[in-house]
Amino acid sequence: MIPTPDAKKRVLIGEDDPISRRLLEVLLVKWGFEVELAATGLEALQVLERIDAPRLALLDWMMPGMEGTEVCRKLRELKDRAYVYVLLLSGRTQKEDLLQGLDSGADDYLTKPFDSQELRARLHVGRRILDLQDKLIATGEELLFRATHDNLTGISNRGVILDNLRRERARQERGGAAFAIVLADIDHFKYVNDTYGHLAGDAVLKEIASRMVTFIRPYDLVGRYGGEEFLILAPSSDSLGAITLAERIRNAIEEKPVIFDGKVISVTASFGIAVSTPSQRLDAQQMIRVADEALYTAKANGRNRCDLASIQILAPDPALSS
């Protein structure tokens, strides 16, 4: 979770002494920071628990109700918030106090009375650390996205969609609900590439993926299976529900052409559907195979249609018969 950069310009001052609190406020505003004030430890914690909390905090060790060290401990227990850099202020000078303050979760420790320029420098160190952390998080999120999404269409890649299919099959073993997959293939895609060029083909793939994402249910998942093929995972779907879903997507693809570089490209797709039910449970490999067979039937019967797999020819699943 990376908040807006403005959060790093705001500082919470947790200080119960009104004179010290006012002095800190004047200094920080002079240095260009936006300031929020808290007179007790509880008030400070309530501010830091907010989604839009300041990313920097100056906390006095001794505050009524809850000490600054306890505020730090409770703050570090929050796992769904952006990191807050905490500078603990205290008149305590013993090494044990410094260690206790840092052990509570504080990032830095400044002894009162403090030099204003040292405080300013430490706040800027805090901002640099937050900037570096945010860049590392953003890089990690980008790498994760690239590892799990198709780089052309932005939808889930083959590995992710197949992993989810296997998990849905395992969930069926525990709960017994039916689920379905829909294997979709763009009709005459080679003709699109040969006639309009590969850039146009890429535009068609991206547009078709976008329409699929728009017309699936919130808990469905669509991934690029390979080339011009897409795989849709539809949890809690029987045959009727899967056919309805596939027809909705087929219509969305057919009814509106793709516009690329001023050219109007009419596109259709064919769909093969496989359903695993409590009475006829299919493993992931079987579902892919029968959906592919149904897709082949749809292609052979004229394309731009949805066909439901016939599963009577399947051998019994050894895992179920054992």
C-alpha atoms as a PDB file:
ATOM      1  CA  MET A   1       0.000   0.000   0.000  1.00  0.00           C
ATOM      2  CA  ILE A   2       1.603   3.269  -1.164  1.00  0.00           C
ATOM      3  CA  PRO A   3      -0.183   6.460  -0.043  1.00  0.00           C
ATOM      4  CA  THR A   4      -0.011   9.824  -1.730  1.00  0.00           C
ATOM      5  CA  PRO A   5       3.266  11.770  -1.394  1.00  0.00           C
ATOM      6  CA  ASP A   6       1.411  14.441   0.636  1.00  0.00           C
ATOM      7  CA  ALA A   7       1.288  12.035   3.586  1.00  0.00           C
ATOM      8  CA  LYS A   8       5.057  12.396   3.931  1.00  0.00           C
ATOM      9  CA  LYS A   9       4.718  16.171   4.250  1.00  0.00           C
ATOM     10  CA  ARG A  10       2.416  15.813   7.244  1.00  0.00           C
ATOM     11  CA  VAL A  11       3.739  15.247  10.736  1.00  0.00           C
ATOM     12  CA  LEU A  12       1.863  14.216  13.848  1.00  0.00           C
ATOM     13  CA  ILE A  13       3.055  15.926  17.009  1.00  0.00           C
ATOM     14  CA  GLY A  14       2.109  13.920  20.088  1.00  0.00           C
ATOM     15  CA  GLU A  15       3.013  16.119  23.040  1.00  0.00           C
ATOM     16  CA  ASP A  16       1.047  16.808  26.217  1.00  0.00           C
ATOM     17  CA  ASP A  17       2.892  19.990  27.195  1.00  0.00           C
ATOM     18  CA  PRO A  18       1.139  22.888  25.379  1.00  0.00           C
ATOM     19  CA  ILE A  19       4.259  25.080  25.226  1.00  0.00           C
ATOM     20  CA  SER A  20       6.447  22.316  23.763  1.00  0.00           C
ATOM     21  CA  ARG A  21       3.656  21.334  21.399  1.00  0.00           C
ATOM     22  CA  ARG A  22       3.313  24.907  20.141  1.00  0.00           C
ATOM     23  CA  LEU A  23       7.075  25.282  19.714  1.00  0.00           C
ATOM     24  CA  LEU A  24       7.270  22.132  17.642  1.00  0.00           C
ATOM     25  CA  GLU A  25       4.302  23.226  15.559  1.00  0.00           C
ATOM     26  CA  VAL A  26       5.876  26.604  14.759  1.00  0.00           C
ATOM     27  CA  LEU A  27       9.172  24.992  13.763  1.00  0.00           C
ATOM     28  CA  LEU A  28       7.626  22.350  11.529  1.00  0.00           C
ATOM     29  CA  VAL A  29       5.302  24.776   9.754  1.00  0.00           C
ATOM     30  CA  LYS A  30       8.302  27.037   9.145  1.00  0.00           C
ATOM     31  CA  TRP A  31      10.117  24.086   7.542  1.00  0.00           C
ATOM     32  CA  GLY A  32       7.224  23.400   5.186  1.00  0.00           C
ATOM     33  CA  PHE A  33       5.505  20.539   6.978  1.00  0.00           C
ATOM     34  CA  GLU A  34       1.781  20.203   7.595  1.00  0.00           C
ATOM     35  CA  VAL A  35       1.077  19.483  11.238  1.00  0.00           C
ATOM     36  CA  GLU A  36      -1.511  17.514  13.171  1.00  0.00           C
ATOM     37  CA  LEU A  37      -1.598  17.754  16.964  1.00  0.00           C
ATOM     38  CA  ALA A  38      -2.371  15.290  19.748  1.00  0.00           C
ATOM     39  CA  ALA A  39      -2.234  16.020  23.465  1.00  0.00           C
ATOM     40  CA  THR A  40      -2.493  12.410  24.691  1.00  0.00           C
ATOM     41  CA  GLY A  41      -1.168   9.053  23.644  1.00  0.00           C
ATOM     42  CA  LEU A  42      -4.668   7.848  22.796  1.00  0.00           C
ATOM     43  CA  GLU A  43      -5.291  10.848  20.535  1.00  0.00           C
ATOM     44  CA  ALA A  44      -1.967  10.207  18.803  1.00  0.00           C
ATOM     45  CA  LEU A  45      -2.819   6.547  18.213  1.00  0.00           C
ATOM     46  CA  GLN A  46      -6.247   7.436  16.821  1.00  0.00           C
ATOM     47  CA  VAL A  47      -4.623   9.749  14.278  1.00  0.00           C
ATOM     48  CA  LEU A  48      -2.031   7.143  13.273  1.00  0.00           C
ATOM     49  CA  GLU A  49      -4.693   4.442  12.864  1.00  0.00           C
ATOM     50  CA  ARG A  50      -6.382   6.380  10.077  1.00  0.00           C
ATOM     51  CA  ILE A  51      -5.925   5.307   6.466  1.00  0.00           C
ATOM     52  CA  ASP A  52      -4.724   8.837   5.633  1.00  0.00           C
ATOM     53  CA  ALA A  53      -2.426   9.113   8.666  1.00  0.00           C
ATOM     54  CA  PRO A  54       0.707  11.267   8.488  1.00  0.00           C
ATOM     55  CA  ARG A  55       3.791   9.252   7.571  1.00  0.00           C
ATOM     56  CA  LEU A  56       5.965  11.076  10.129  1.00  0.00           C
ATOM     57  CA  ALA A  57       5.319  11.275  13.871  1.00  0.00           C
ATOM     58  CA  LEU A  58       7.014  13.067  16.758  1.00  0.00           C
ATOM     59  CA  LEU A  59       5.940  11.392  19.970  1.00  0.00           C
ATOM     60  CA  ASP A  60       6.773  12.456  23.469  1.00  0.00           C
ATOM     61  CA  TRP A  61       7.656   9.495  25.660  1.00  0.00           C
ATOM     62  CA  MET A  62       5.623  10.691  28.638  1.00  0.00           C
ATOM     63  CA  MET A  63       2.002  11.381  27.681  1.00  0.00           C
ATOM     64  CA  PRO A  64      -1.164  10.928  29.758  1.00  0.00           C
ATOM     65  CA  GLY A  65      -3.189   7.780  29.239  1.00  0.00           C
ATOM     66  CA  MET A  66      -0.673   6.060  26.970  1.00  0.00           C
ATOM     67  CA  GLU A  67       3.061   6.563  26.742  1.00  0.00           C
ATOM     68  CA  GLY A  68       4.780   7.179  23.426  1.00  0.00           C
ATOM     69  CA  THR A  69       6.431   3.768  23.554  1.00  0.00           C
ATOM     70  CA  GLU A  70       3.036   2.077  23.894  1.00  0.00           C
ATOM     71  CA  VAL A  71       1.721   4.106  20.958  1.00  0.00           C
ATOM     72  CA  CYS A  72       4.672   2.777  18.934  1.00  0.00           C
ATOM     73  CA  ARG A  73       3.940  -0.822  19.896  1.00  0.00           C
ATOM     74  CA  LYS A  74       0.280  -0.593  18.952  1.00  0.00           C
ATOM     75  CA  LEU A  75       1.146   1.234  15.723  1.00  0.00           C
ATOM     76  CA  ARG A  76       3.496  -1.557  14.640  1.00  0.00           C
ATOM     77  CA  GLU A  77       0.712  -4.083  15.163  1.00  0.00           C
ATOM     78  CA  LEU A  78      -1.263  -2.462  12.328  1.00  0.00           C
ATOM     79  CA  LYS A  79      -0.495  -4.550   9.256  1.00  0.00           C
ATOM     80  CA  ASP A  80      -2.763  -2.829   6.734  1.00  0.00           C
ATOM     81  CA  ARG A  81      -1.333   0.689   7.002  1.00  0.00           C
ATOM     82  CA  ALA A  82       1.514   2.451   5.259  1.00  0.00           C
ATOM     83  CA  TYR A  83       4.648   2.635   7.369  1.00  0.00           C
ATOM     84  CA  VAL A  84       4.950   5.593   9.755  1.00  0.00           C
ATOM     85  CA  TYR A  85       8.407   6.873  10.671  1.00  0.00           C
ATOM     86  CA  VAL A  86       8.395   7.625  14.405  1.00  0.00           C
ATOM     87  CA  LEU A  87      10.809   9.935  16.185  1.00  0.00           C
ATOM     88  CA  LEU A  88      10.554   9.514  19.951  1.00  0.00           C
ATOM     89  CA  LEU A  89      11.230  12.572  22.118  1.00  0.00           C
ATOM     90  CA  SER A  90      12.280  12.210  25.746  1.00  0.00           C
ATOM     91  CA  GLY A  91      14.246  13.798  28.528  1.00  0.00           C
ATOM     92  CA  ARG A  92      15.638  10.376  29.413  1.00  0.00           C
ATOM     93  CA  THR A  93      19.316  10.075  28.584  1.00  0.00           C
ATOM     94  CA  GLN A  94      20.300   6.583  29.714  1.00  0.00           C
ATOM     95  CA  LYS A  95      21.338   4.009  27.127  1.00  0.00           C
ATOM     96  CA  GLU A  96      18.705   1.643  28.467  1.00  0.00           C
ATOM     97  CA  ASP A  97      16.032   4.229  27.705  1.00  0.00           C
ATOM     98  CA  LEU A  98      17.262   4.593  24.125  1.00  0.00           C
ATOM     99  CA  LEU A  99      17.183   0.841  23.621  1.00  0.00           C
ATOM    100  CA  GLN A 100      13.741   0.550  25.173  1.00  0.00           C
ATOM    101  CA  GLY A 101      12.412   3.293  22.909  1.00  0.00           C
ATOM    102  CA  LEU A 102      13.811   1.685  19.763  1.00  0.00           C
ATOM    103  CA  ASP A 103      12.621  -1.747  20.882  1.00  0.00           C
ATOM    104  CA  SER A 104       9.075  -0.392  21.162  1.00  0.00           C
ATOM    105  CA  GLY A 105       9.072   0.334  17.443  1.00  0.00           C
ATOM    106  CA  ALA A 106      10.429   3.877  17.252  1.00  0.00           C
ATOM    107  CA  ASP A 107      12.761   4.602  14.331  1.00  0.00           C
ATOM    108  CA  ASP A 108      14.803   7.313  15.998  1.00  0.00           C
ATOM    109  CA  TYR A 109      15.284   8.871  19.404  1.00  0.00           C
ATOM    110  CA  LEU A 110      15.973  12.505  20.286  1.00  0.00           C
ATOM    111  CA  THR A 111      16.800  13.710  23.780  1.00  0.00           C
ATOM    112  CA  LYS A 112      15.222  16.848  25.191  1.00  0.00           C
ATOM    113  CA  PRO A 113      16.168  19.634  25.092  1.00  0.00           C
ATOM    114  CA  PHE A 114      16.994  19.127  21.409  1.00  0.00           C
ATOM    115  CA  ASP A 115      18.666  21.296  18.813  1.00  0.00           C
ATOM    116  CA  SER A 116      16.140  22.495  16.245  1.00  0.00           C
ATOM    117  CA  GLN A 117      18.475  21.890  13.301  1.00  0.00           C
ATOM    118  CA  GLU A 118      19.149  18.356  14.474  1.00  0.00           C
ATOM    119  CA  LEU A 119      15.403  17.758  14.630  1.00  0.00           C
ATOM    120  CA  ARG A 120      15.003  19.136  11.120  1.00  0.00           C
ATOM    121  CA  ALA A 121      17.796  16.908   9.808  1.00  0.00           C
ATOM    122  CA  ARG A 122      16.295  13.809  11.405  1.00  0.00           C
ATOM    123  CA  LEU A 123      12.886  14.547   9.921  1.00  0.00           C
ATOM    124  CA  HIS A 124      14.443  14.800   6.483  1.00  0.00           C
ATOM    125  CA  VAL A 125      16.234  11.495   7.096  1.00  0.00           C
ATOM    126  CA  GLY A 126      12.834  10.031   7.908  1.00  0.00           C
ATOM    127  CA  ARG A 127      11.381  11.326   4.653  1.00  0.00           C
ATOM    128  CA  ARG A 128      14.278   9.883   2.640  1.00  0.00           C
ATOM    129  CA  ILE A 129      13.792   6.492   4.288  1.00  0.00           C
ATOM    130  CA  LEU A 130      10.063   6.579   3.538  1.00  0.00           C
ATOM    131  CA  ASP A 131      10.770   7.536  -0.086  1.00  0.00           C
ATOM    132  CA  LEU A 132      13.184   4.621  -0.431  1.00  0.00           C
ATOM    133  CA  GLN A 133      10.738   2.198   1.169  1.00  0.00           C
ATOM    134  CA  ASP A 134       7.909   3.310  -1.103  1.00  0.00           C
ATOM    135  CA  LYS A 135      10.111   2.857  -4.173  1.00  0.00           C
ATOM    136  CA  LEU A 136      11.042  -0.644  -3.045  1.00  0.00           C
ATOM    137  CA  ILE A 137       7.384  -1.520  -2.457  1.00  0.00           C
ATOM    138  CA  ALA A 138       6.394  -0.121  -5.858  1.00  0.00           C
ATOM    139  CA  THR A 139       9.164  -2.123  -7.530  1.00  0.00           C
ATOM    140  CA  GLY A 140       8.061  -5.281  -5.739  1.00  0.00           C
ATOM    141  CA  GLU A 141       4.443  -4.761  -6.738  1.00  0.00           C
ATOM    142  CA  GLU A 142       5.455  -4.143 -10.350  1.00  0.00           C
ATOM    143  CA  LEU A 143       7.563  -7.301 -10.437  1.00  0.00           C
ATOM    144  CA  LEU A 144       4.716  -9.304  -8.910  1.00  0.00           C
ATOM    145  CA  PHE A 145       2.274  -7.911 -11.470  1.00  0.00           C
ATOM    146  CA  ARG A 146       4.613  -8.797 -14.317  1.00  0.00           C
ATOM    147  CA  ALA A 147       5.063 -12.294 -12.960  1.00  0.00           C
ATOM    148  CA  THR A 148       1.320 -12.951 -12.703  1.00  0.00           C
ATOM    149  CA  HIS A 149      -0.155 -11.022 -15.651  1.00  0.00           C
ATOM    150  CA  ASP A 150       0.051 -11.241 -19.402  1.00  0.00           C
ATOM    151  CA  ASN A 151       2.266  -8.391 -20.593  1.00  0.00           C
ATOM    152  CA  LEU A 152       0.087  -7.560 -23.610  1.00  0.00           C
ATOM    153  CA  THR A 153      -3.472  -7.724 -22.287  1.00  0.00           C
ATOM    154  CA  GLY A 154      -2.877  -7.088 -18.583  1.00  0.00           C
ATOM    155  CA  ILE A 155      -5.077 -10.001 -17.511  1.00  0.00           C
ATOM    156  CA  SER A 156      -3.886 -13.068 -15.593  1.00  0.00           C
ATOM    157  CA  ASN A 157      -1.322 -15.177 -17.373  1.00  0.00           C
ATOM    158  CA  ARG A 158      -1.534 -18.901 -18.131  1.00  0.00           C
ATOM    159  CA  GLY A 159       0.199 -19.979 -14.916  1.00  0.00           C
ATOM    160  CA  VAL A 160      -2.094 -17.943 -12.682  1.00  0.00           C
ATOM    161  CA  ILE A 161      -5.341 -19.014 -14.348  1.00  0.00           C
ATOM    162  CA  LEU A 162      -4.318 -22.688 -14.204  1.00  0.00           C
ATOM    163  CA  ASP A 163      -3.301 -22.367 -10.538  1.00  0.00           C
ATOM    164  CA  ASN A 164      -6.732 -20.911  -9.787  1.00  0.00           C
ATOM    165  CA  LEU A 165      -8.393 -23.728 -11.707  1.00  0.00           C
ATOM    166  CA  ARG A 166      -6.576 -26.297  -9.563  1.00  0.00           C
ATOM    167  CA  ARG A 167      -7.530 -24.439  -6.381  1.00  0.00           C
ATOM    168  CA  GLU A 168     -11.164 -24.308  -7.442  1.00  0.00           C
ATOM    169  CA  ARG A 169     -11.062 -28.058  -8.061  1.00  0.00           C
ATOM    170  CA  ALA A 170      -9.635 -28.599  -4.561  1.00  0.00           C
ATOM    171  CA  ARG A 171     -12.361 -26.358  -3.133  1.00  0.00           C
ATOM    172  CA  GLN A 172     -14.969 -28.510  -4.864  1.00  0.00           C
ATOM    173  CA  GLU A 173     -13.576 -31.544  -3.075  1.00  0.00           C
ATOM    174  CA  ARG A 174     -14.320 -29.831   0.235  1.00  0.00           C
ATOM    175  CA  GLY A 175     -17.620 -28.116  -0.579  1.00  0.00           C
ATOM    176  CA  GLY A 176     -19.097 -29.957  -3.518  1.00  0.00           C
ATOM    177  CA  ALA A 177     -20.350 -26.974  -5.563  1.00  0.00           C
ATOM    178  CA  ALA A 178     -20.285 -27.082  -9.351  1.00  0.00           C
ATOM    179  CA  PHE A 179     -17.922 -24.830 -11.267  1.00  0.00           C
ATOM    180  CA  ALA A 180     -17.099 -24.257 -14.908  1.00  0.00           C
ATOM    181  CA  ILE A 181     -14.427 -23.116 -17.301  1.00  0.00           C
ATOM    182  CA  VAL A 182     -14.896 -21.428 -20.663  1.00  0.00           C
ATOM    183  CA  LEU A 183     -12.179 -21.733 -23.276  1.00  0.00           C
ATOM    184  CA  ALA A 184     -12.467 -18.934 -25.851  1.00  0.00           C
ATOM    185  CA  ASP A 185     -10.677 -18.584 -29.169  1.00  0.00           C
ATOM    186  CA  ILE A 186     -10.807 -15.581 -31.517  1.00  0.00           C
ATOM    187  CA  ASP A 187     -12.127 -16.662 -34.915  1.00  0.00           C
ATOM    188  CA  HIS A 188      -9.892 -16.218 -37.975  1.00  0.00           C
ATOM    189  CA  PHE A 189      -7.226 -14.431 -35.952  1.00  0.00           C
ATOM    190  CA  LYS A 190      -4.537 -15.279 -38.516  1.00  0.00           C
ATOM    191  CA  TYR A 191      -6.621 -13.409 -41.096  1.00  0.00           C
ATOM    192  CA  VAL A 192      -6.634 -10.339 -38.840  1.00  0.00           C
ATOM    193  CA  ASN A 193      -2.843 -10.436 -38.534  1.00  0.00           C
ATOM    194  CA  ASP A 194      -2.317 -11.092 -42.248  1.00  0.00           C
ATOM    195  CA  THR A 195      -4.785  -8.421 -43.376  1.00  0.00           C
ATOM    196  CA  TYR A 196      -4.280  -5.627 -40.867  1.00  0.00           C
ATOM    197  CA  GLY A 197      -0.856  -6.395 -39.378  1.00  0.00           C
ATOM    198  CA  HIS A 198       0.363  -7.702 -36.061  1.00  0.00           C
ATOM    199  CA  LEU A 199      -0.118  -4.392 -34.273  1.00  0.00           C
ATOM    200  CA  ALA A 200      -3.782  -4.582 -35.185  1.00  0.00           C
ATOM    201  CA  GLY A 201      -3.799  -8.175 -33.922  1.00  0.00           C
ATOM    202  CA  ASP A 202      -2.366  -6.988 -30.611  1.00  0.00           C
ATOM    203  CA  ALA A 203      -5.057  -4.301 -30.415  1.00  0.00           C
ATOM    204  CA  VAL A 204      -7.735  -6.935 -31.005  1.00  0.00           C
ATOM    205  CA  LEU A 205      -6.328  -9.156 -28.245  1.00  0.00           C
ATOM    206  CA  LYS A 206      -6.273  -6.260 -25.777  1.00  0.00           C
ATOM    207  CA  GLU A 207      -9.786  -5.155 -26.650  1.00  0.00           C
ATOM    208  CA  ILE A 208     -11.225  -8.674 -26.427  1.00  0.00           C
ATOM    209  CA  ALA A 209      -9.535  -9.170 -23.035  1.00  0.00           C
ATOM    210  CA  SER A 210     -11.004  -5.867 -21.841  1.00  0.00           C
ATOM    211  CA  ARG A 211     -14.515  -6.872 -22.894  1.00  0.00           C
ATOM    212  CA  MET A 212     -14.191 -10.222 -21.165  1.00  0.00           C
ATOM    213  CA  VAL A 213     -13.135  -8.564 -17.935  1.00  0.00           C
ATOM    214  CA  THR A 214     -16.077  -6.179 -18.230  1.00  0.00           C
ATOM    215  CA  PHE A 215     -18.672  -8.912 -18.707  1.00  0.00           C
ATOM    216  CA  ILE A 216     -17.548 -11.584 -16.255  1.00  0.00           C
ATOM    217  CA  ARG A 217     -18.887 -11.651 -12.707  1.00  0.00           C
ATOM    218  CA  PRO A 218     -16.847 -10.094  -9.880  1.00  0.00           C
ATOM    219  CA  TYR A 219     -15.693 -13.509  -8.640  1.00  0.00           C
ATOM    220  CA  ASP A 220     -14.868 -14.952 -12.069  1.00  0.00           C
ATOM    221  CA  LEU A 221     -11.337 -14.843 -13.441  1.00  0.00           C
ATOM    222  CA  VAL A 222     -10.137 -14.527 -17.023  1.00  0.00           C
ATOM    223  CA  GLY A 223      -6.613 -15.284 -18.188  1.00  0.00           C
ATOM    224  CA  ARG A 224      -4.747 -15.506 -21.447  1.00  0.00           C
ATOM    225  CA  TYR A 225      -4.310 -19.200 -22.112  1.00  0.00           C
ATOM    226  CA  GLY A 226      -2.037 -18.788 -25.116  1.00  0.00           C
ATOM    227  CA  GLY A 227      -1.964 -16.996 -28.471  1.00  0.00           C
ATOM    228  CA  GLU A 228      -5.521 -15.929 -29.223  1.00  0.00           C
ATOM    229  CA  GLU A 229      -7.054 -18.248 -26.612  1.00  0.00           C
ATOM    230  CA  PHE A 230      -8.513 -17.146 -23.278  1.00  0.00           C
ATOM    231  CA  LEU A 231      -9.604 -19.206 -20.290  1.00  0.00           C
ATOM    232  CA  ILE A 232     -12.417 -18.060 -17.998  1.00  0.00           C
ATOM    233  CA  LEU A 233     -12.844 -19.668 -14.588  1.00  0.00           C
ATOM    234  CA  ALA A 234     -16.427 -19.462 -13.307  1.00  0.00           C
ATOM    235  CA  PRO A 235     -16.865 -20.634  -9.693  1.00  0.00           C
ATOM    236  CA  SER A 236     -20.323 -21.707  -8.493  1.00  0.00           C
ATOM    237  CA  SER A 237     -21.592 -22.187 -12.047  1.00  0.00           C
ATOM    238  CA  ASP A 238     -23.641 -25.032 -13.446  1.00  0.00           C
ATOM    239  CA  SER A 239     -24.113 -25.675 -17.161  1.00  0.00           C
ATOM    240  CA  LEU A 240     -26.821 -23.059 -17.569  1.00  0.00           C
ATOM    241  CA  GLY A 241     -24.834 -20.413 -15.739  1.00  0.00           C
ATOM    242  CA  ALA A 242     -21.691 -21.123 -17.756  1.00  0.00           C
ATOM    243  CA  ILE A 243     -23.551 -21.010 -21.066  1.00  0.00           C
ATOM    244  CA  THR A 244     -25.191 -17.726 -20.064  1.00  0.00           C
ATOM    245  CA  LEU A 245     -21.794 -16.266 -19.179  1.00  0.00           C
ATOM    246  CA  ALA A 246     -20.209 -17.434 -22.430  1.00  0.00           C
ATOM    247  CA  GLU A 247     -23.101 -16.111 -24.536  1.00  0.00           C
ATOM    248  CA  ARG A 248     -22.890 -12.736 -22.794  1.00  0.00           C
ATOM    249  CA  ILE A 249     -19.217 -12.453 -23.672  1.00  0.00           C
ATOM    250  CA  ARG A 250     -19.738 -13.769 -27.209  1.00  0.00           C
ATOM    251  CA  ASN A 251     -22.363 -11.098 -27.854  1.00  0.00           C
ATOM    252  CA  ALA A 252     -20.127  -8.392 -26.412  1.00  0.00           C
ATOM    253  CA  ILE A 253     -17.360  -9.375 -28.826  1.00  0.00           C
ATOM    254  CA  GLU A 254     -19.578  -9.723 -31.874  1.00  0.00           C
ATOM    255  CA  GLU A 255     -21.756  -6.624 -31.533  1.00  0.00           C
ATOM    256  CA  LYS A 256     -19.000  -4.022 -31.701  1.00  0.00           C
ATOM    257  CA  PRO A 257     -16.006  -4.054 -34.071  1.00  0.00           C
ATOM    258  CA  VAL A 258     -12.496  -3.163 -32.973  1.00  0.00           C
ATOM    259  CA  ILE A 259     -11.224   0.164 -34.290  1.00  0.00           C
ATOM    260  CA  PHE A 260      -7.488   0.346 -34.956  1.00  0.00           C
ATOM    261  CA  ASP A 261      -5.632   3.023 -36.891  1.00  0.00           C
ATOM    262  CA  GLY A 262      -8.873   4.120 -38.516  1.00  0.00           C
ATOM    263  CA  LYS A 263      -9.698   0.588 -39.644  1.00  0.00           C
ATOM    264  CA  VAL A 264     -12.873  -1.233 -38.588  1.00  0.00           C
ATOM    265  CA  ILE A 265     -12.113  -4.847 -37.692  1.00  0.00           C
ATOM    266  CA  SER A 266     -15.050  -7.165 -37.148  1.00  0.00           C
ATOM    267  CA  VAL A 267     -14.236  -9.912 -34.668  1.00  0.00           C
ATOM    268  CA  THR A 268     -16.033 -12.959 -33.340  1.00  0.00           C
ATOM    269  CA  ALA A 269     -15.013 -15.756 -30.986  1.00  0.00           C
ATOM    270  CA  SER A 270     -15.902 -19.380 -30.351  1.00  0.00           C
ATOM    271  CA  PHE A 271     -16.348 -20.916 -26.901  1.00  0.00           C
ATOM    272  CA  GLY A 272     -15.981 -24.363 -25.397  1.00  0.00           C
ATOM    273  CA  ILE A 273     -17.499 -24.958 -21.964  1.00  0.00           C
ATOM    274  CA  ALA A 274     -16.722 -27.634 -19.385  1.00  0.00           C
ATOM    275  CA  VAL A 275     -18.521 -28.072 -16.067  1.00  0.00           C
ATOM    276  CA  SER A 276     -17.433 -30.073 -13.057  1.00  0.00           C
ATOM    277  CA  THR A 277     -20.410 -31.095 -10.956  1.00  0.00           C
ATOM    278  CA  PRO A 278     -20.744 -33.005  -7.671  1.00  0.00           C
ATOM    279  CA  SER A 279     -21.929 -36.056  -9.608  1.00  0.00           C
ATOM    280  CA  GLN A 280     -19.322 -35.790 -12.388  1.00  0.00           C
ATOM    281  CA  ARG A 281     -16.183 -34.252 -10.986  1.00  0.00           C
ATOM    282  CA  LEU A 282     -13.419 -33.425 -13.434  1.00  0.00           C
ATOM    283  CA  ASP A 283      -9.857 -32.628 -12.535  1.00  0.00           C
ATOM    284  CA  ALA A 284      -8.113 -29.634 -14.067  1.00  0.00           C
ATOM    285  CA  GLN A 285      -6.572 -31.619 -16.912  1.00  0.00           C
ATOM    286  CA  GLN A 286      -9.881 -33.236 -17.795  1.00  0.00           C
ATOM    287  CA  MET A 287     -11.687 -29.894 -17.783  1.00  0.00           C
ATOM    288  CA  ILE A 288      -9.152 -28.374 -20.158  1.00  0.00           C
ATOM    289  CA  ARG A 289      -9.394 -31.377 -22.458  1.00  0.00           C
ATOM    290  CA  VAL A 290     -13.174 -31.482 -22.708  1.00  0.00           C
ATOM    291  CA  ALA A 291     -13.449 -27.694 -22.994  1.00  0.00           C
ATOM    292  CA  ASP A 292     -10.947 -27.844 -25.855  1.00  0.00           C
ATOM    293  CA  GLU A 293     -13.027 -30.555 -27.515  1.00  0.00           C
ATOM    294  CA  ALA A 294     -16.148 -28.419 -27.155  1.00  0.00           C
ATOM    295  CA  LEU A 295     -14.261 -25.451 -28.615  1.00  0.00           C
ATOM    296  CA  TYR A 296     -13.228 -27.597 -31.591  1.00  0.00           C
ATOM    297  CA  THR A 297     -16.889 -28.533 -32.077  1.00  0.00           C
ATOM    298  CA  ALA A 298     -17.894 -24.868 -32.000  1.00  0.00           C
ATOM    299  CA  LYS A 299     -15.284 -24.098 -34.648  1.00  0.00           C
ATOM    300  CA  ALA A 300     -16.387 -27.047 -36.808  1.00  0.00           C
ATOM    301  CA  ASN A 301     -20.056 -25.993 -36.567  1.00  0.00           C
ATOM    302  CA  GLY A 302     -19.499 -22.528 -37.989  1.00  0.00           C
ATOM    303  CA  ARG A 303     -17.655 -20.515 -35.309  1.00  0.00           C
ATOM    304  CA  ASN A 304     -19.047 -17.587 -33.302  1.00  0.00           C
ATOM    305  CA  ARG A 305     -20.926 -19.946 -31.015  1.00  0.00           C
ATOM    306  CA  CYS A 306     -20.798 -21.582 -27.602  1.00  0.00           C
ATOM    307  CA  ASP A 307     -20.703 -25.353 -27.184  1.00  0.00           C
ATOM    308  CA  LEU A 308     -21.023 -27.300 -23.943  1.00  0.00           C
ATOM    309  CA  ALA A 309     -18.705 -30.287 -23.501  1.00  0.00           C
ATOM    310  CA  SER A 310     -20.138 -33.781 -23.400  1.00  0.00           C
ATOM    311  CA  ILE A 311     -18.426 -35.616 -20.550  1.00  0.00           C
ATOM    312  CA  GLN A 312     -20.068 -39.027 -20.727  1.00  0.00           C
ATOM    313  CA  ILE A 313     -17.056 -40.407 -22.606  1.00  0.00           C
ATOM    314  CA  LEU A 314     -14.657 -39.626 -19.759  1.00  0.00           C
ATOM    315  CA  ALA A 315     -13.057 -42.440 -17.852  1.00  0.00           C
ATOM    316  CA  PRO A 316     -13.762 -42.332 -14.092  1.00  0.00           C
ATOM    317  CA  ASP A 317     -11.439 -40.166 -12.082  1.00  0.00           C
ATOM    318  CA  PRO A 318      -9.102 -42.617 -10.225  1.00  0.00           C
ATOM    319  CA  ALA A 319      -8.888 -40.252  -7.288  1.00  0.00           C
ATOM    320  CA  LEU A 320     -12.642 -40.457  -6.834  1.00  0.00           C
ATOM    321  CA  SER A 321     -12.920 -44.210  -7.199  1.00  0.00           C
ATOM    322  CA  SER A 322     -10.202 -45.003  -4.676  1.00  0.00           C
END
